[in-house]
Amino acid sequence: MWGMFEVFKNNIDVLKKRVQFNLEIIAKNELRIKELLNEPVSKERAKKLNERFDFNNNLLEENQDALKIQKSLIDFMEKHKIDMDDTFHLISDYDDSIANVDLEKEDYFDLTINGALDFDKRHPYYKDENFILELIKYFTEVENYEMCSKLVRGRKTNLSKTLN
C-alpha cells in the first residue's frame, strides 16, 4: 500500500512538471502571437495565428486534465490514509505472504510496476540487468521518467552505457 502512495506522489510530481512545461510553451506562443499581430493582415498570418491558438488550447486542455488527475490522486490519498504503524504491519505481512508464494519473474515485474513491491536490495531481481532494463522500458513508455532516473541512480552499474 505504501509503495502505491509513493507511485501516486511521483505521478503527481510528473503531472505538475508537465503543467509547468506547458505553461512555459504557452507563454512563448503568446509572445509569437503578439509578433504575428504586428504583421500585415493576410491569409498566411491568419493561418499562423489559428495554429498558435489551437496549439495553446490543446495545451490548456491537457493541463486541465492533468490538474483533474492530480486532484483525484490527492483526494484518494487523503481519503485512504493509513496510520504509519498499520502501514508497516501491512507491508510486513505482505512481504511475508509473497515469500510463501511461488511467483514467476512476470509476477514480480507486475508487482514492481504497480508499486506493490519496492525495487530495492531485497527485491529478488535487484541485480538482474535485463529486469531493470525492462522496468526502464516500461516506465519510459508510460512517461514516468522519475522512476527511470531512480532505477538508474539506485544501481551502481553501467546501466547508462547499456541504455545508450
N, C-alpha and C. Protein backbone atom coordinates (compact mmCIF):
# COMPACT_ATOMS: atom_id res chain seq x y z
N MET A 1 0.83 -1.19 0.00
CA MET A 1 0.00 0.00 0.00
C MET A 1 0.87 1.25 0.00
N TRP A 2 1.94 1.23 0.85
CA TRP A 2 2.78 2.41 0.95
C TRP A 2 3.47 2.70 -0.38
N GLY A 3 3.89 1.64 -1.11
CA GLY A 3 4.51 1.81 -2.41
C GLY A 3 3.55 2.46 -3.39
N MET A 4 2.28 2.13 -3.28
CA MET A 4 1.27 2.71 -4.15
C MET A 4 1.19 4.22 -3.91
N PHE A 5 1.22 4.65 -2.66
CA PHE A 5 1.17 6.07 -2.36
C PHE A 5 2.40 6.79 -2.92
N GLU A 6 3.53 6.13 -2.86
CA GLU A 6 4.75 6.72 -3.43
C GLU A 6 4.61 6.88 -4.94
N VAL A 7 4.02 5.89 -5.59
CA VAL A 7 3.78 5.97 -7.03
C VAL A 7 2.84 7.15 -7.32
N PHE A 8 1.80 7.29 -6.52
CA PHE A 8 0.87 8.41 -6.70
C PHE A 8 1.59 9.74 -6.56
N LYS A 9 2.43 9.85 -5.52
CA LYS A 9 3.16 11.10 -5.31
C LYS A 9 4.08 11.39 -6.49
N ASN A 10 4.74 10.37 -7.00
CA ASN A 10 5.62 10.55 -8.16
C ASN A 10 4.82 11.00 -9.37
N ASN A 11 3.65 10.39 -9.57
CA ASN A 11 2.81 10.77 -10.71
C ASN A 11 2.32 12.21 -10.57
N ILE A 12 1.98 12.62 -9.37
CA ILE A 12 1.55 14.00 -9.14
C ILE A 12 2.69 14.95 -9.49
N ASP A 13 3.91 14.62 -9.07
CA ASP A 13 5.06 15.46 -9.39
C ASP A 13 5.30 15.55 -10.90
N VAL A 14 5.18 14.43 -11.58
CA VAL A 14 5.37 14.41 -13.04
C VAL A 14 4.30 15.28 -13.71
N LEU A 15 3.06 15.15 -13.25
CA LEU A 15 1.98 15.96 -13.82
C LEU A 15 2.21 17.44 -13.56
N LYS A 16 2.68 17.79 -12.37
CA LYS A 16 2.96 19.19 -12.05
C LYS A 16 4.02 19.74 -13.00
N LYS A 17 5.07 18.96 -13.22
CA LYS A 17 6.15 19.40 -14.11
C LYS A 17 5.63 19.57 -15.54
N ARG A 18 4.77 18.67 -15.97
CA ARG A 18 4.21 18.74 -17.32
C ARG A 18 3.34 20.00 -17.46
N VAL A 19 2.53 20.30 -16.46
CA VAL A 19 1.69 21.50 -16.48
C VAL A 19 2.59 22.74 -16.57
N GLN A 20 3.63 22.79 -15.77
CA GLN A 20 4.55 23.92 -15.78
C GLN A 20 5.22 24.06 -17.14
N PHE A 21 5.66 22.96 -17.70
CA PHE A 21 6.28 22.96 -19.03
C PHE A 21 5.31 23.50 -20.07
N ASN A 22 4.06 23.03 -20.03
CA ASN A 22 3.05 23.50 -20.98
C ASN A 22 2.81 25.00 -20.82
N LEU A 23 2.80 25.49 -19.60
CA LEU A 23 2.59 26.92 -19.36
C LEU A 23 3.74 27.74 -19.95
N GLU A 24 4.95 27.22 -19.87
CA GLU A 24 6.09 27.91 -20.46
C GLU A 24 5.96 27.97 -21.98
N ILE A 25 5.52 26.88 -22.58
CA ILE A 25 5.31 26.86 -24.04
C ILE A 25 4.20 27.84 -24.42
N ILE A 26 3.12 27.86 -23.66
CA ILE A 26 2.02 28.78 -23.92
C ILE A 26 2.51 30.23 -23.86
N ALA A 27 3.33 30.55 -22.88
CA ALA A 27 3.86 31.91 -22.75
C ALA A 27 4.71 32.27 -23.97
N LYS A 28 5.54 31.33 -24.43
CA LYS A 28 6.36 31.59 -25.63
C LYS A 28 5.47 31.76 -26.86
N ASN A 29 4.43 30.95 -26.95
CA ASN A 29 3.49 31.08 -28.07
C ASN A 29 2.78 32.43 -28.04
N GLU A 30 2.45 32.91 -26.86
CA GLU A 30 1.78 34.21 -26.75
C GLU A 30 2.69 35.33 -27.24
N LEU A 31 3.98 35.23 -26.97
CA LEU A 31 4.93 36.21 -27.49
C LEU A 31 4.96 36.17 -29.01
N ARG A 32 4.96 34.96 -29.54
CA ARG A 32 4.95 34.80 -31.00
C ARG A 32 3.65 35.33 -31.60
N ILE A 33 2.55 35.14 -30.92
CA ILE A 33 1.26 35.66 -31.38
C ILE A 33 1.29 37.18 -31.44
N LYS A 34 1.87 37.81 -30.41
CA LYS A 34 1.99 39.27 -30.41
C LYS A 34 2.82 39.76 -31.59
N GLU A 35 3.89 39.03 -31.92
CA GLU A 35 4.71 39.37 -33.08
C GLU A 35 3.90 39.23 -34.36
N LEU A 36 3.14 38.14 -34.46
CA LEU A 36 2.32 37.91 -35.66
C LEU A 36 1.27 39.01 -35.84
N LEU A 37 0.74 39.53 -34.74
CA LEU A 37 -0.28 40.57 -34.83
C LEU A 37 0.28 41.87 -35.41
N ASN A 38 1.59 42.04 -35.37
CA ASN A 38 2.23 43.21 -35.96
C ASN A 38 2.45 43.06 -37.47
N GLU A 39 2.30 41.85 -37.98
CA GLU A 39 2.45 41.62 -39.41
C GLU A 39 1.20 42.10 -40.14
N PRO A 40 1.35 42.40 -41.43
CA PRO A 40 0.16 42.82 -42.21
C PRO A 40 -0.88 41.69 -42.26
N VAL A 41 -2.14 42.09 -42.31
CA VAL A 41 -3.23 41.12 -42.36
C VAL A 41 -3.12 40.33 -43.67
N SER A 42 -3.16 38.99 -43.51
CA SER A 42 -3.11 38.12 -44.68
C SER A 42 -3.65 36.75 -44.30
N LYS A 43 -3.90 35.95 -45.31
CA LYS A 43 -4.38 34.59 -45.05
C LYS A 43 -3.30 33.79 -44.33
N GLU A 44 -2.05 34.02 -44.72
CA GLU A 44 -0.93 33.31 -44.08
C GLU A 44 -0.84 33.67 -42.61
N ARG A 45 -0.97 34.96 -42.29
CA ARG A 45 -0.94 35.40 -40.89
C ARG A 45 -2.09 34.79 -40.11
N ALA A 46 -3.28 34.79 -40.69
CA ALA A 46 -4.46 34.21 -40.04
C ALA A 46 -4.24 32.72 -39.78
N LYS A 47 -3.65 32.05 -40.75
CA LYS A 47 -3.37 30.61 -40.60
C LYS A 47 -2.39 30.38 -39.44
N LYS A 48 -1.32 31.17 -39.40
CA LYS A 48 -0.32 31.03 -38.33
C LYS A 48 -0.94 31.33 -36.96
N LEU A 49 -1.77 32.37 -36.90
CA LEU A 49 -2.42 32.71 -35.64
C LEU A 49 -3.34 31.59 -35.18
N ASN A 50 -4.14 31.05 -36.10
CA ASN A 50 -5.05 29.94 -35.75
C ASN A 50 -4.27 28.73 -35.25
N GLU A 51 -3.15 28.43 -35.90
CA GLU A 51 -2.32 27.30 -35.46
C GLU A 51 -1.81 27.51 -34.04
N ARG A 52 -1.35 28.72 -33.76
CA ARG A 52 -0.83 29.03 -32.42
C ARG A 52 -1.94 28.96 -31.37
N PHE A 53 -3.11 29.53 -31.72
CA PHE A 53 -4.23 29.50 -30.78
C PHE A 53 -4.68 28.06 -30.53
N ASP A 54 -4.77 27.27 -31.60
CA ASP A 54 -5.18 25.86 -31.45
C ASP A 54 -4.18 25.09 -30.60
N PHE A 55 -2.90 25.33 -30.84
CA PHE A 55 -1.86 24.65 -30.07
C PHE A 55 -1.98 25.00 -28.59
N ASN A 56 -2.13 26.31 -28.30
CA ASN A 56 -2.28 26.73 -26.91
C ASN A 56 -3.53 26.13 -26.27
N ASN A 57 -4.63 26.09 -27.01
CA ASN A 57 -5.87 25.49 -26.49
C ASN A 57 -5.68 24.02 -26.17
N ASN A 58 -4.95 23.30 -27.02
CA ASN A 58 -4.68 21.88 -26.75
C ASN A 58 -3.85 21.72 -25.47
N LEU A 59 -2.86 22.58 -25.30
CA LEU A 59 -2.05 22.52 -24.08
C LEU A 59 -2.87 22.87 -22.84
N LEU A 60 -3.77 23.83 -22.97
CA LEU A 60 -4.63 24.19 -21.84
C LEU A 60 -5.57 23.03 -21.49
N GLU A 61 -6.10 22.34 -22.50
CA GLU A 61 -6.95 21.17 -22.23
C GLU A 61 -6.16 20.07 -21.54
N GLU A 62 -4.92 19.85 -22.01
CA GLU A 62 -4.06 18.85 -21.37
C GLU A 62 -3.81 19.22 -19.91
N ASN A 63 -3.56 20.51 -19.66
CA ASN A 63 -3.33 20.96 -18.29
C ASN A 63 -4.56 20.75 -17.42
N GLN A 64 -5.74 21.02 -17.97
CA GLN A 64 -6.96 20.80 -17.20
C GLN A 64 -7.11 19.32 -16.83
N ASP A 65 -6.83 18.44 -17.78
CA ASP A 65 -6.90 17.00 -17.50
C ASP A 65 -5.87 16.60 -16.44
N ALA A 66 -4.65 17.14 -16.58
CA ALA A 66 -3.59 16.82 -15.62
C ALA A 66 -3.96 17.30 -14.22
N LEU A 67 -4.56 18.48 -14.13
CA LEU A 67 -4.97 19.00 -12.83
C LEU A 67 -6.09 18.15 -12.22
N LYS A 68 -7.00 17.68 -13.05
CA LYS A 68 -8.08 16.80 -12.55
C LYS A 68 -7.49 15.50 -12.00
N ILE A 69 -6.53 14.94 -12.73
CA ILE A 69 -5.90 13.69 -12.27
C ILE A 69 -5.16 13.93 -10.96
N GLN A 70 -4.41 15.04 -10.88
CA GLN A 70 -3.71 15.36 -9.64
C GLN A 70 -4.68 15.46 -8.47
N LYS A 71 -5.78 16.17 -8.68
CA LYS A 71 -6.77 16.34 -7.62
C LYS A 71 -7.35 14.99 -7.21
N SER A 72 -7.64 14.14 -8.18
CA SER A 72 -8.18 12.82 -7.86
C SER A 72 -7.20 11.99 -7.05
N LEU A 73 -5.93 12.03 -7.43
CA LEU A 73 -4.92 11.27 -6.69
C LEU A 73 -4.76 11.81 -5.27
N ILE A 74 -4.75 13.12 -5.14
CA ILE A 74 -4.62 13.72 -3.81
C ILE A 74 -5.83 13.38 -2.95
N ASP A 75 -7.03 13.49 -3.53
CA ASP A 75 -8.25 13.14 -2.79
C ASP A 75 -8.21 11.68 -2.35
N PHE A 76 -7.78 10.79 -3.24
CA PHE A 76 -7.69 9.36 -2.91
C PHE A 76 -6.72 9.14 -1.75
N MET A 77 -5.56 9.78 -1.84
CA MET A 77 -4.54 9.59 -0.80
C MET A 77 -5.04 10.10 0.55
N GLU A 78 -5.73 11.22 0.54
CA GLU A 78 -6.24 11.76 1.80
C GLU A 78 -7.39 10.92 2.35
N LYS A 79 -8.23 10.42 1.47
CA LYS A 79 -9.38 9.62 1.90
C LYS A 79 -8.94 8.30 2.51
N HIS A 80 -7.89 7.72 1.96
CA HIS A 80 -7.48 6.38 2.38
C HIS A 80 -6.17 6.39 3.17
N LYS A 81 -5.98 7.43 3.97
CA LYS A 81 -4.79 7.49 4.82
C LYS A 81 -4.78 6.30 5.76
N ILE A 82 -3.59 5.80 5.95
CA ILE A 82 -3.43 4.68 6.88
C ILE A 82 -2.36 5.07 7.88
N ASP A 83 -2.59 4.78 9.11
CA ASP A 83 -1.62 5.06 10.15
C ASP A 83 -0.29 4.39 9.81
N MET A 84 0.83 5.08 10.07
CA MET A 84 2.15 4.56 9.72
C MET A 84 2.42 3.19 10.33
N ASP A 85 2.02 2.97 11.58
CA ASP A 85 2.25 1.67 12.20
C ASP A 85 1.45 0.59 11.48
N ASP A 86 0.19 0.90 11.17
CA ASP A 86 -0.62 -0.06 10.44
C ASP A 86 -0.01 -0.36 9.08
N THR A 87 0.52 0.69 8.43
CA THR A 87 1.14 0.51 7.12
C THR A 87 2.34 -0.42 7.23
N PHE A 88 3.15 -0.20 8.26
CA PHE A 88 4.33 -1.05 8.43
C PHE A 88 3.93 -2.51 8.59
N HIS A 89 2.88 -2.77 9.39
CA HIS A 89 2.43 -4.14 9.59
C HIS A 89 1.85 -4.72 8.30
N LEU A 90 1.12 -3.90 7.57
CA LEU A 90 0.57 -4.38 6.30
C LEU A 90 1.68 -4.77 5.34
N ILE A 91 2.71 -3.92 5.27
CA ILE A 91 3.83 -4.21 4.37
C ILE A 91 4.56 -5.46 4.82
N SER A 92 4.80 -5.59 6.12
CA SER A 92 5.49 -6.77 6.63
C SER A 92 4.68 -8.03 6.33
N ASP A 93 3.38 -7.98 6.59
CA ASP A 93 2.52 -9.12 6.30
C ASP A 93 2.55 -9.44 4.82
N TYR A 94 2.53 -8.39 3.99
CA TYR A 94 2.52 -8.59 2.55
C TYR A 94 3.84 -9.23 2.10
N ASP A 95 4.96 -8.71 2.62
CA ASP A 95 6.26 -9.28 2.27
C ASP A 95 6.33 -10.75 2.68
N ASP A 96 5.81 -11.07 3.87
CA ASP A 96 5.81 -12.46 4.34
C ASP A 96 4.96 -13.33 3.42
N SER A 97 3.81 -12.81 3.01
CA SER A 97 2.93 -13.60 2.15
C SER A 97 3.56 -13.83 0.78
N ILE A 98 4.30 -12.83 0.29
CA ILE A 98 4.99 -13.02 -1.00
C ILE A 98 6.05 -14.10 -0.88
N ALA A 99 6.75 -14.12 0.25
CA ALA A 99 7.81 -15.11 0.44
C ALA A 99 7.26 -16.53 0.39
N ASN A 100 5.99 -16.71 0.76
CA ASN A 100 5.40 -18.04 0.80
C ASN A 100 4.70 -18.42 -0.51
N VAL A 101 4.75 -17.55 -1.51
CA VAL A 101 4.09 -17.83 -2.77
C VAL A 101 5.16 -18.02 -3.84
N ASP A 102 4.92 -18.97 -4.72
CA ASP A 102 5.86 -19.23 -5.80
C ASP A 102 5.52 -18.31 -6.97
N LEU A 103 6.27 -17.22 -7.12
CA LEU A 103 5.98 -16.23 -8.15
C LEU A 103 6.95 -16.36 -9.32
N GLU A 104 6.46 -16.04 -10.49
CA GLU A 104 7.27 -16.02 -11.69
C GLU A 104 7.89 -14.63 -11.84
N LYS A 105 8.86 -14.52 -12.72
CA LYS A 105 9.51 -13.24 -12.97
C LYS A 105 8.49 -12.19 -13.42
N GLU A 106 7.52 -12.59 -14.24
CA GLU A 106 6.48 -11.67 -14.72
C GLU A 106 5.64 -11.15 -13.55
N ASP A 107 5.39 -12.02 -12.58
CA ASP A 107 4.62 -11.60 -11.40
C ASP A 107 5.38 -10.52 -10.63
N TYR A 108 6.69 -10.72 -10.46
CA TYR A 108 7.50 -9.73 -9.77
C TYR A 108 7.52 -8.41 -10.56
N PHE A 109 7.56 -8.52 -11.88
CA PHE A 109 7.54 -7.33 -12.72
C PHE A 109 6.24 -6.55 -12.49
N ASP A 110 5.11 -7.26 -12.55
CA ASP A 110 3.80 -6.61 -12.35
C ASP A 110 3.70 -5.98 -10.96
N LEU A 111 4.15 -6.70 -9.95
CA LEU A 111 4.11 -6.15 -8.58
C LEU A 111 4.99 -4.91 -8.46
N THR A 112 6.10 -4.92 -9.16
CA THR A 112 7.04 -3.79 -9.09
C THR A 112 6.47 -2.57 -9.80
N ILE A 113 5.96 -2.73 -11.00
CA ILE A 113 5.47 -1.56 -11.74
C ILE A 113 4.19 -0.99 -11.12
N ASN A 114 3.45 -1.83 -10.41
CA ASN A 114 2.23 -1.35 -9.76
C ASN A 114 2.49 -0.76 -8.38
N GLY A 115 3.75 -0.79 -7.95
CA GLY A 115 4.11 -0.18 -6.68
C GLY A 115 3.84 -1.06 -5.47
N ALA A 116 3.44 -2.30 -5.71
CA ALA A 116 3.17 -3.20 -4.59
C ALA A 116 4.45 -3.78 -4.01
N LEU A 117 5.52 -3.76 -4.78
CA LEU A 117 6.79 -4.31 -4.34
C LEU A 117 7.88 -3.29 -4.67
N ASP A 118 8.57 -2.82 -3.66
CA ASP A 118 9.63 -1.84 -3.87
C ASP A 118 10.82 -2.50 -4.56
N PHE A 119 11.44 -1.73 -5.46
CA PHE A 119 12.63 -2.23 -6.13
C PHE A 119 13.84 -1.76 -5.35
N ASP A 120 14.21 -2.58 -4.36
CA ASP A 120 15.35 -2.26 -3.52
C ASP A 120 16.21 -3.52 -3.41
N LYS A 121 17.18 -3.48 -2.52
CA LYS A 121 18.13 -4.60 -2.39
C LYS A 121 17.47 -5.91 -2.00
N ARG A 122 16.25 -5.83 -1.42
CA ARG A 122 15.53 -7.05 -1.03
C ARG A 122 14.79 -7.68 -2.22
N HIS A 123 14.65 -6.92 -3.30
CA HIS A 123 13.92 -7.41 -4.47
C HIS A 123 14.70 -8.57 -5.10
N PRO A 124 14.00 -9.66 -5.45
CA PRO A 124 14.70 -10.84 -5.98
C PRO A 124 15.41 -10.58 -7.32
N TYR A 125 15.02 -9.56 -8.05
CA TYR A 125 15.64 -9.27 -9.35
C TYR A 125 16.43 -7.96 -9.33
N TYR A 126 16.85 -7.57 -8.15
CA TYR A 126 17.56 -6.31 -7.98
C TYR A 126 18.86 -6.28 -8.79
N LYS A 127 19.52 -7.41 -8.92
CA LYS A 127 20.79 -7.45 -9.65
C LYS A 127 20.64 -7.94 -11.09
N ASP A 128 19.43 -8.15 -11.51
CA ASP A 128 19.17 -8.65 -12.86
C ASP A 128 19.09 -7.47 -13.84
N GLU A 129 20.15 -7.29 -14.64
CA GLU A 129 20.22 -6.15 -15.57
C GLU A 129 19.05 -6.17 -16.56
N ASN A 130 18.68 -7.34 -17.07
CA ASN A 130 17.58 -7.41 -18.03
C ASN A 130 16.26 -6.99 -17.39
N PHE A 131 16.06 -7.38 -16.16
CA PHE A 131 14.84 -7.00 -15.43
C PHE A 131 14.79 -5.48 -15.28
N ILE A 132 15.92 -4.89 -14.91
CA ILE A 132 16.00 -3.43 -14.74
C ILE A 132 15.73 -2.73 -16.07
N LEU A 133 16.32 -3.25 -17.14
CA LEU A 133 16.09 -2.63 -18.45
C LEU A 133 14.62 -2.72 -18.85
N GLU A 134 13.97 -3.83 -18.51
CA GLU A 134 12.53 -3.96 -18.80
C GLU A 134 11.72 -2.95 -17.98
N LEU A 135 12.11 -2.75 -16.72
CA LEU A 135 11.44 -1.74 -15.90
C LEU A 135 11.63 -0.36 -16.50
N ILE A 136 12.84 -0.05 -16.91
CA ILE A 136 13.11 1.26 -17.50
C ILE A 136 12.32 1.43 -18.79
N LYS A 137 12.27 0.38 -19.58
CA LYS A 137 11.48 0.44 -20.83
C LYS A 137 10.01 0.72 -20.51
N TYR A 138 9.48 0.02 -19.53
CA TYR A 138 8.08 0.21 -19.15
C TYR A 138 7.84 1.64 -18.67
N PHE A 139 8.67 2.11 -17.73
CA PHE A 139 8.46 3.43 -17.17
C PHE A 139 8.69 4.53 -18.22
N THR A 140 9.52 4.26 -19.21
CA THR A 140 9.70 5.21 -20.30
C THR A 140 8.43 5.27 -21.14
N GLU A 141 7.85 4.11 -21.43
CA GLU A 141 6.63 4.06 -22.23
C GLU A 141 5.46 4.78 -21.56
N VAL A 142 5.38 4.70 -20.23
CA VAL A 142 4.29 5.39 -19.52
C VAL A 142 4.72 6.80 -19.08
N GLU A 143 5.90 7.21 -19.58
CA GLU A 143 6.44 8.55 -19.35
C GLU A 143 6.65 8.87 -17.87
N ASN A 144 7.05 7.85 -17.11
CA ASN A 144 7.40 8.06 -15.71
C ASN A 144 8.93 8.10 -15.62
N TYR A 145 9.47 9.23 -16.09
CA TYR A 145 10.92 9.37 -16.18
C TYR A 145 11.58 9.47 -14.81
N GLU A 146 10.82 9.88 -13.84
CA GLU A 146 11.36 9.96 -12.48
C GLU A 146 11.72 8.56 -11.98
N MET A 147 10.84 7.59 -12.27
CA MET A 147 11.14 6.21 -11.86
C MET A 147 12.35 5.69 -12.63
N CYS A 148 12.45 6.03 -13.91
CA CYS A 148 13.62 5.61 -14.70
C CYS A 148 14.89 6.13 -14.04
N SER A 149 14.85 7.38 -13.68
CA SER A 149 16.01 8.01 -13.04
C SER A 149 16.35 7.32 -11.72
N LYS A 150 15.32 7.01 -10.93
CA LYS A 150 15.55 6.32 -9.65
C LYS A 150 16.18 4.95 -9.88
N LEU A 151 15.72 4.25 -10.90
CA LEU A 151 16.27 2.92 -11.18
C LEU A 151 17.75 3.02 -11.54
N VAL A 152 18.08 3.98 -12.36
CA VAL A 152 19.48 4.12 -12.78
C VAL A 152 20.33 4.61 -11.62
N ARG A 153 19.83 5.61 -10.86
CA ARG A 153 20.59 6.13 -9.72
C ARG A 153 20.74 5.08 -8.62
N GLY A 154 19.74 4.26 -8.44
CA GLY A 154 19.74 3.28 -7.36
C GLY A 154 20.72 2.15 -7.57
N ARG A 155 21.23 2.05 -8.74
CA ARG A 155 22.15 0.96 -9.07
C ARG A 155 23.54 1.50 -9.33
N LYS A 156 24.55 0.81 -8.87
CA LYS A 156 25.94 1.22 -9.08
C LYS A 156 26.53 0.41 -10.24
N THR A 157 25.78 0.36 -11.36
CA THR A 157 26.26 -0.41 -12.51
C THR A 157 26.42 0.51 -13.70
N ASN A 158 26.73 -0.06 -14.81
CA ASN A 158 26.89 0.71 -16.03
C ASN A 158 25.63 0.70 -16.86
N LEU A 159 24.50 0.86 -16.21
CA LEU A 159 23.22 0.86 -16.91
C LEU A 159 23.17 1.95 -17.97
N SER A 160 23.73 3.10 -17.66
CA SER A 160 23.67 4.19 -18.62
C SER A 160 24.38 3.80 -19.92
N LYS A 161 25.46 3.02 -19.82
CA LYS A 161 26.15 2.55 -21.03
C LYS A 161 25.26 1.55 -21.77
N THR A 162 24.60 0.70 -21.02
CA THR A 162 23.73 -0.31 -21.62
C THR A 162 22.56 0.35 -22.34
N LEU A 163 22.05 1.44 -21.77
CA LEU A 163 20.89 2.13 -22.34
C LEU A 163 21.24 2.86 -23.62
N ASN A 164 22.49 3.27 -23.79
CA ASN A 164 22.89 4.03 -24.98
C ASN A 164 23.15 3.16 -26.14
